[in-house]
Protein backbone atom coordinates (compact mmCIF):
# COMPACT_ATOMS: atom_id res chain seq x y z
CA UNK A 1 -6.25 12.66 -18.45
CA UNK A 2 -4.81 12.21 -14.85
CA UNK A 3 -1.85 9.23 -15.03
CA UNK A 4 -2.25 7.56 -11.20
CA UNK A 5 -0.02 4.71 -10.25
CA UNK A 6 -1.33 1.81 -8.65
CA UNK A 7 1.52 0.72 -6.64
CA UNK A 8 1.78 -2.98 -5.52
CA UNK A 9 5.20 -4.43 -4.21
CA UNK A 10 4.86 -8.12 -3.97
CA UNK A 11 6.83 -11.34 -4.51
CA UNK A 12 6.23 -15.12 -5.69
CA UNK A 13 4.68 -16.36 -2.85
CA UNK A 14 1.88 -13.64 -3.22
CA UNK A 15 1.70 -14.26 -7.04
CA UNK A 16 -1.72 -15.75 -7.47
CA UNK A 17 -3.09 -12.84 -5.36
CA UNK A 18 -1.52 -10.21 -7.43
CA UNK A 19 -2.55 -11.82 -10.41
CA UNK A 20 -6.35 -11.18 -9.31
CA UNK A 21 -5.78 -7.96 -8.14
CA UNK A 22 -4.24 -7.14 -11.64
CA UNK A 23 -7.06 -8.74 -13.63
CA UNK A 24 -9.32 -6.55 -11.36
CA UNK A 25 -7.47 -3.27 -12.02
CA UNK A 26 -7.80 -4.01 -15.65
CA UNK A 27 -11.48 -4.80 -15.66
CA UNK A 28 -12.47 -1.84 -12.91
CA UNK A 29 -9.74 1.00 -13.01
CA UNK A 30 -10.47 3.85 -15.50
CA UNK A 31 -7.72 4.75 -18.06
CA UNK A 32 -6.44 7.30 -15.74
CA UNK A 33 -4.76 4.48 -13.71
CA UNK A 34 -1.37 2.46 -14.29
CA UNK A 35 -0.93 -0.64 -12.38
CA UNK A 36 2.59 -0.82 -11.37
CA UNK A 37 4.03 -3.95 -9.54
CA UNK A 38 7.33 -4.15 -7.98
CA UNK A 39 8.82 -7.30 -7.30
CA UNK A 40 12.56 -8.83 -6.40
CA UNK A 41 14.42 -8.97 -9.43
CA UNK A 42 14.49 -12.95 -9.35
CA UNK A 43 10.70 -12.78 -10.15
CA UNK A 44 10.67 -10.05 -12.56
CA UNK A 45 10.48 -12.47 -15.49
CA UNK A 46 7.61 -14.60 -13.82
CA UNK A 47 5.42 -11.43 -13.05
CA UNK A 48 5.94 -9.75 -16.44
CA UNK A 49 4.51 -13.17 -17.74
CA UNK A 50 1.47 -13.51 -14.97
CA UNK A 51 0.62 -10.08 -14.27
CA UNK A 52 1.87 -8.05 -17.33
CA UNK A 53 -0.69 -9.93 -19.50
CA UNK A 54 -3.26 -7.59 -17.47
CA UNK A 55 -1.68 -4.45 -18.20
CA UNK A 56 0.34 -4.09 -15.44
CA UNK A 57 4.00 -2.83 -15.65
CA UNK A 58 6.60 -4.62 -13.77
CA UNK A 59 9.73 -3.16 -12.22
CA UNK A 60 12.52 -4.77 -10.20
CA UNK A 61 12.67 -3.71 -6.44
CA UNK A 62 16.29 -3.37 -6.47
CA UNK A 63 15.96 -0.26 -8.62
CA UNK A 64 14.32 1.38 -5.31
CA UNK A 65 16.55 -0.13 -2.78
CA UNK A 66 20.21 0.79 -1.49
CA UNK A 67 22.81 -1.64 -3.12
CA UNK A 68 24.39 -2.18 0.22
CA UNK A 69 21.18 -3.86 1.29
CA UNK A 70 22.13 -8.14 1.15
CA UNK A 71 19.61 -11.00 0.68
CA UNK A 72 19.84 -13.66 2.90
CA UNK A 73 20.60 -17.21 1.14
CA UNK A 74 17.55 -19.61 1.38
CA UNK A 75 15.53 -16.78 3.31
CA UNK A 76 13.86 -14.61 0.66
CA UNK A 77 12.02 -12.85 3.24
CA UNK A 78 15.05 -11.33 4.80
CA UNK A 79 17.93 -8.85 3.99
CA UNK A 80 20.75 -7.46 6.20
CA UNK A 81 22.13 -3.96 6.09
CA UNK A 82 26.16 -3.45 6.31
CA UNK A 83 25.73 -3.45 10.12
CA UNK A 84 24.33 -6.80 10.15
CA UNK A 85 20.99 -5.82 10.99
CA UNK A 86 18.18 -7.98 9.76
CA UNK A 87 15.79 -6.49 7.24
CA UNK A 88 12.31 -8.45 7.28
CA UNK A 89 10.56 -8.32 3.90
CA UNK A 90 7.29 -6.33 5.50
CA UNK A 91 9.88 -3.23 6.48
CA UNK A 92 11.57 -3.56 2.98
CA UNK A 93 8.39 -3.43 1.06
CA UNK A 94 7.30 0.07 3.02
CA UNK A 95 10.65 1.49 1.80
CA UNK A 96 10.16 0.68 -1.45
CA UNK A 97 6.74 2.13 -1.58
CA UNK A 98 8.23 5.18 0.05
CA UNK A 99 11.26 5.38 -2.44
CA UNK A 100 8.57 4.98 -5.74
CA UNK A 101 6.66 7.69 -4.31
CA UNK A 102 9.12 9.92 -4.03
CA UNK A 103 10.54 9.14 -7.81
CA UNK A 104 7.23 10.30 -8.94
CA UNK A 105 6.23 13.14 -10.80
CA UNK A 106 2.25 12.36 -10.82
CA UNK A 107 -0.28 14.09 -8.50
CA UNK A 108 -0.57 10.99 -6.49
CA UNK A 109 0.05 7.61 -6.38
CA UNK A 110 -2.22 4.71 -4.78
CA UNK A 111 -0.77 1.86 -2.89
CA UNK A 112 -2.54 -1.51 -3.08
CA UNK A 113 -1.21 -4.72 -1.45
CA UNK A 114 -1.24 -7.97 -3.34
CA UNK A 115 -3.97 -8.77 -0.96
CA UNK A 116 -6.34 -6.24 -2.20
CA UNK A 117 -9.15 -7.19 -5.20
CA UNK A 118 -10.96 -4.47 -7.00
CA UNK A 119 -14.82 -5.43 -7.33
CA UNK A 120 -16.05 -1.96 -8.36
CA UNK A 121 -15.18 0.74 -11.07
CA UNK A 122 -13.15 3.36 -9.50
CA UNK A 123 -11.97 6.77 -11.28
CA UNK A 124 -9.95 9.68 -10.17
CA UNK A 125 -12.68 10.61 -7.79
CA UNK A 126 -11.36 7.78 -5.46
CA UNK A 127 -8.36 10.06 -4.47
CA UNK A 128 -8.26 13.42 -6.17
CA UNK A 129 -10.23 16.47 -4.66
CA UNK A 130 -11.30 19.91 -5.57
CA UNK A 131 -8.39 22.75 -6.16
CA UNK A 132 -5.59 20.11 -6.71
CA UNK A 133 -6.06 18.64 -3.40
CA UNK A 134 -5.89 14.88 -2.66
CA UNK A 135 -7.61 12.36 -0.08
CA UNK A 136 -5.77 11.72 3.11
CA UNK A 137 -6.89 8.33 4.93
CA UNK A 138 -7.54 10.10 8.36
CA UNK A 139 -10.07 8.13 10.69
CA UNK A 140 -10.30 9.82 14.28
CA UNK A 141 -12.43 6.44 15.14
CA UNK A 142 -9.33 4.61 14.27
CA UNK A 143 -5.77 3.29 15.30
CA UNK A 144 -5.74 4.18 18.98
CA UNK A 145 -5.15 0.77 20.09
CA UNK A 146 -2.01 -0.90 21.81
CA UNK A 147 -1.03 -2.77 18.53
CA UNK A 148 -0.48 0.64 16.87
CA UNK A 149 1.03 2.77 19.27
CA UNK A 150 4.52 1.65 18.76
CA UNK A 151 4.23 3.01 14.90
CA UNK A 152 3.08 6.36 16.54
CA UNK A 153 5.85 6.57 19.11
CA UNK A 154 8.18 5.72 16.26
CA UNK A 155 6.82 8.33 13.73
CA UNK A 156 7.00 10.75 16.17
CA UNK A 157 10.98 9.97 16.93
CA UNK A 158 11.78 9.41 13.17
CA UNK A 159 10.22 13.17 12.41
CA UNK A 160 11.67 14.95 15.54
CA UNK A 161 8.44 15.36 17.40
CA UNK A 162 7.34 15.25 21.01
CA UNK A 163 6.44 11.26 21.40
CA UNK A 164 3.10 10.44 21.12
CA UNK A 165 0.93 7.07 21.31
CA UNK A 166 -1.58 8.39 19.21
CA UNK A 167 -2.03 11.26 16.96
CA UNK A 168 -5.89 11.66 16.83
CA UNK A 169 -6.24 9.75 13.38
CA UNK A 170 -5.89 6.35 11.99
CA UNK A 171 -4.13 6.59 8.52
CA UNK A 172 -3.77 2.67 8.01
CA UNK A 173 -5.94 1.14 5.21
CA UNK A 174 -5.75 -0.13 1.55
CA UNK A 175 -5.90 1.91 -1.61
CA UNK A 176 -3.79 4.62 0.22
CA UNK A 177 -3.21 7.52 -1.82
CA UNK A 178 0.09 9.98 -1.03
CA UNK A 179 1.03 12.87 -2.76
CA UNK A 180 4.81 12.32 -4.23
CA UNK A 181 5.64 16.24 -2.84
CA UNK A 182 4.79 15.33 0.41
CA UNK A 183 6.20 12.16 0.47
CA UNK A 184 9.61 13.93 -0.53
CA UNK A 185 9.15 16.61 2.21
CA UNK A 186 8.45 13.80 4.70
CA UNK A 187 12.07 12.15 4.10
CA UNK A 188 13.87 15.24 3.89
CA UNK A 189 12.57 15.82 7.29
CA UNK A 190 13.51 12.21 8.61
CA UNK A 191 17.18 13.12 7.02
CA UNK A 192 17.43 16.36 8.99
CA UNK A 193 16.35 14.75 11.89
CA UNK A 194 18.80 11.71 11.85
CA UNK A 195 21.63 12.92 9.91
CA UNK A 196 21.63 10.01 7.70
CA UNK A 197 20.05 8.61 4.61
CA UNK A 198 16.25 8.28 5.09
CA UNK A 199 16.75 4.39 3.58
CA UNK A 200 19.34 3.61 5.94
CA UNK A 201 17.36 5.25 9.17
CA UNK A 202 13.95 3.45 8.03
CA UNK A 203 15.84 -0.01 7.25
CA UNK A 204 17.31 -0.04 10.75
CA UNK A 205 13.75 0.29 12.47
CA UNK A 206 12.57 -2.88 14.41
CA UNK A 207 9.08 -1.64 13.52
CA UNK A 208 7.56 0.77 11.29
CA UNK A 209 3.92 2.09 9.42
CA UNK A 210 4.76 3.96 6.67
CA UNK A 211 1.20 5.24 6.57
CA UNK A 212 1.60 6.28 10.02
CA UNK A 213 4.76 8.00 9.41
CA UNK A 214 3.28 10.18 6.53
CA UNK A 215 -0.17 10.73 8.00
CA UNK A 216 1.57 12.11 11.37
CA UNK A 217 4.03 14.43 9.14
CA UNK A 218 1.16 15.96 7.14
CA UNK A 219 -1.02 16.34 10.40
CA UNK A 220 1.81 17.45 12.85
CA UNK A 221 4.43 18.94 10.46
CA UNK A 222 3.07 20.49 7.38
CA UNK A 223 -0.50 20.69 8.27
CA UNK A 224 -3.40 18.94 6.24
CA UNK A 225 -4.17 22.48 4.35
CA UNK A 226 -0.49 23.33 3.56
CA UNK A 227 -0.06 19.68 2.34
CA UNK A 228 -3.15 20.44 0.06
CA UNK A 229 -4.68 17.09 1.60
CA UNK A 230 -8.55 16.28 2.21
CA UNK A 231 -8.63 14.16 5.61
CA UNK A 232 -11.41 11.63 5.34
CA UNK A 233 -12.63 8.59 7.26
CA UNK A 234 -14.19 6.68 4.36
CA UNK A 235 -12.31 3.44 3.83
CA UNK A 236 -13.50 2.18 0.54
CA UNK A 237 -12.14 -1.12 1.17
CA UNK A 238 -14.24 -4.00 2.93
CA UNK A 239 -11.33 -5.28 5.07
CA UNK A 240 -10.62 -8.27 7.28
CA UNK A 241 -7.72 -8.62 9.66
CA UNK A 242 -8.53 -11.59 11.57
CA UNK A 243 -6.54 -15.09 11.69
CA UNK A 244 -8.72 -17.39 10.07
CA UNK A 245 -11.75 -17.61 7.45
CA UNK A 246 -13.77 -20.98 6.98
CA UNK A 247 -15.26 -21.42 3.40
CA UNK A 248 -18.63 -20.25 4.75
CA UNK A 249 -17.17 -17.45 6.80
CA UNK A 250 -15.33 -16.41 3.82
CA UNK A 251 -18.66 -16.34 1.47
CA UNK A 252 -20.69 -14.79 4.10
CA UNK A 253 -17.80 -11.91 4.28
CA UNK A 254 -17.83 -11.18 0.57
CA UNK A 255 -21.31 -10.88 0.64
CA UNK A 256 -21.25 -8.17 3.20
CA UNK A 257 -20.02 -5.87 0.41
CA UNK A 258 -21.95 -2.74 -0.02
CA UNK A 259 -22.15 0.35 -2.35
CA UNK A 260 -19.43 2.12 -0.62
CA UNK A 261 -16.70 -0.62 -1.22
CA UNK A 262 -14.70 -0.53 -4.34
CA UNK A 263 -12.44 -3.50 -3.26
CA UNK A 264 -11.90 -6.41 -0.96
CA UNK A 265 -9.00 -6.87 1.34
CA UNK A 266 -8.05 -10.13 3.23
CA UNK A 267 -4.89 -9.80 5.02
CA UNK A 268 -2.35 -12.38 3.90
CA UNK A 269 -1.58 -13.64 7.22
CA UNK A 270 -5.46 -14.71 7.39
CA UNK A 271 -5.81 -18.61 6.75
CA UNK A 272 -8.44 -19.25 4.07
CA UNK A 273 -8.95 -21.21 0.60
CA UNK A 274 -7.51 -18.93 -2.07
CA UNK A 275 -9.66 -21.33 -4.67
CA UNK A 276 -12.95 -20.40 -2.77
CA UNK A 277 -12.00 -16.62 -2.49
CA UNK A 278 -11.14 -16.25 -6.13
CA UNK A 279 -14.37 -17.81 -7.30
CA UNK A 280 -16.29 -15.73 -4.96
CA UNK A 281 -14.63 -12.78 -6.44
CA UNK A 282 -15.34 -13.65 -9.90
CA UNK A 283 -18.79 -14.41 -8.86
CA UNK A 284 -19.13 -10.60 -7.80
CA UNK A 285 -17.17 -9.51 -11.06
CA UNK A 286 -20.02 -11.28 -13.32
CA UNK A 287 -22.81 -10.07 -11.41
CA UNK A 288 -21.74 -6.51 -12.22
CA UNK A 289 -20.99 -7.22 -15.78
CA UNK A 290 -17.45 -6.56 -15.35
CA UNK A 291 -15.26 -6.55 -18.47
CA UNK A 292 -11.60 -5.56 -19.22
CA UNK A 293 -11.19 -1.87 -19.95
CA UNK A 294 -9.53 -2.72 -23.17
CA UNK A 295 -12.06 -5.40 -24.32
């Protein structure tokens, strides 16, 4: 049996979302998967109580971050480096994902943000391919937009490559699998280029997409075949990225689920009713007769 971690960095304001995700993982993920939730140490006990009841393991993010990173009092989303550089929470969470992948000894890790929720059963076919290879989300019809170009330029610089606005593929999505060996090779490359710890380098970045850095590294440095990756454009998650959803729009959005979708993602910055969303998700669960895998 494969043992594949589903990795979710989270924190207290996202607790309700993370609970829904954890319950969905318990209901729909095969026993090949183990849900791992990573939170600030101050939130550890709370998450152990609330998501641990759905079988998730909870660990402190401080185990994956450098000790020199200092939290700003009364501003939990921010920390500062010894240089006084402010580090926003979304940069910190990306470093946490990379650090976890680098320490993993599994065939693959799967990243699922708190604002993702499973609605259909998943097994190893979601990420594993023949011959010991692993899926890489790489969509040639996605990513070539002005808001993403800084991430491609940054990835080129971090990896010591000629700077490009776009590499030819979009790498951003949800339920994203990584190969730990590729992640370790990626951070070694960044350290060779910068001459510094990869954590130091990334925590001093102004903007960053870990998925773009990983994808560009696999594409331009290793090559997909050498990295044992299978580039695929298919996204298994129904996604919403805009600013607002009324209750009616939210219900219509959930109704657009089709058989290719195993999960729903509504970005955390979208304004919508969580109660309406959770009720809609549970209705989908009920219609599919979903039960806990431990039931």
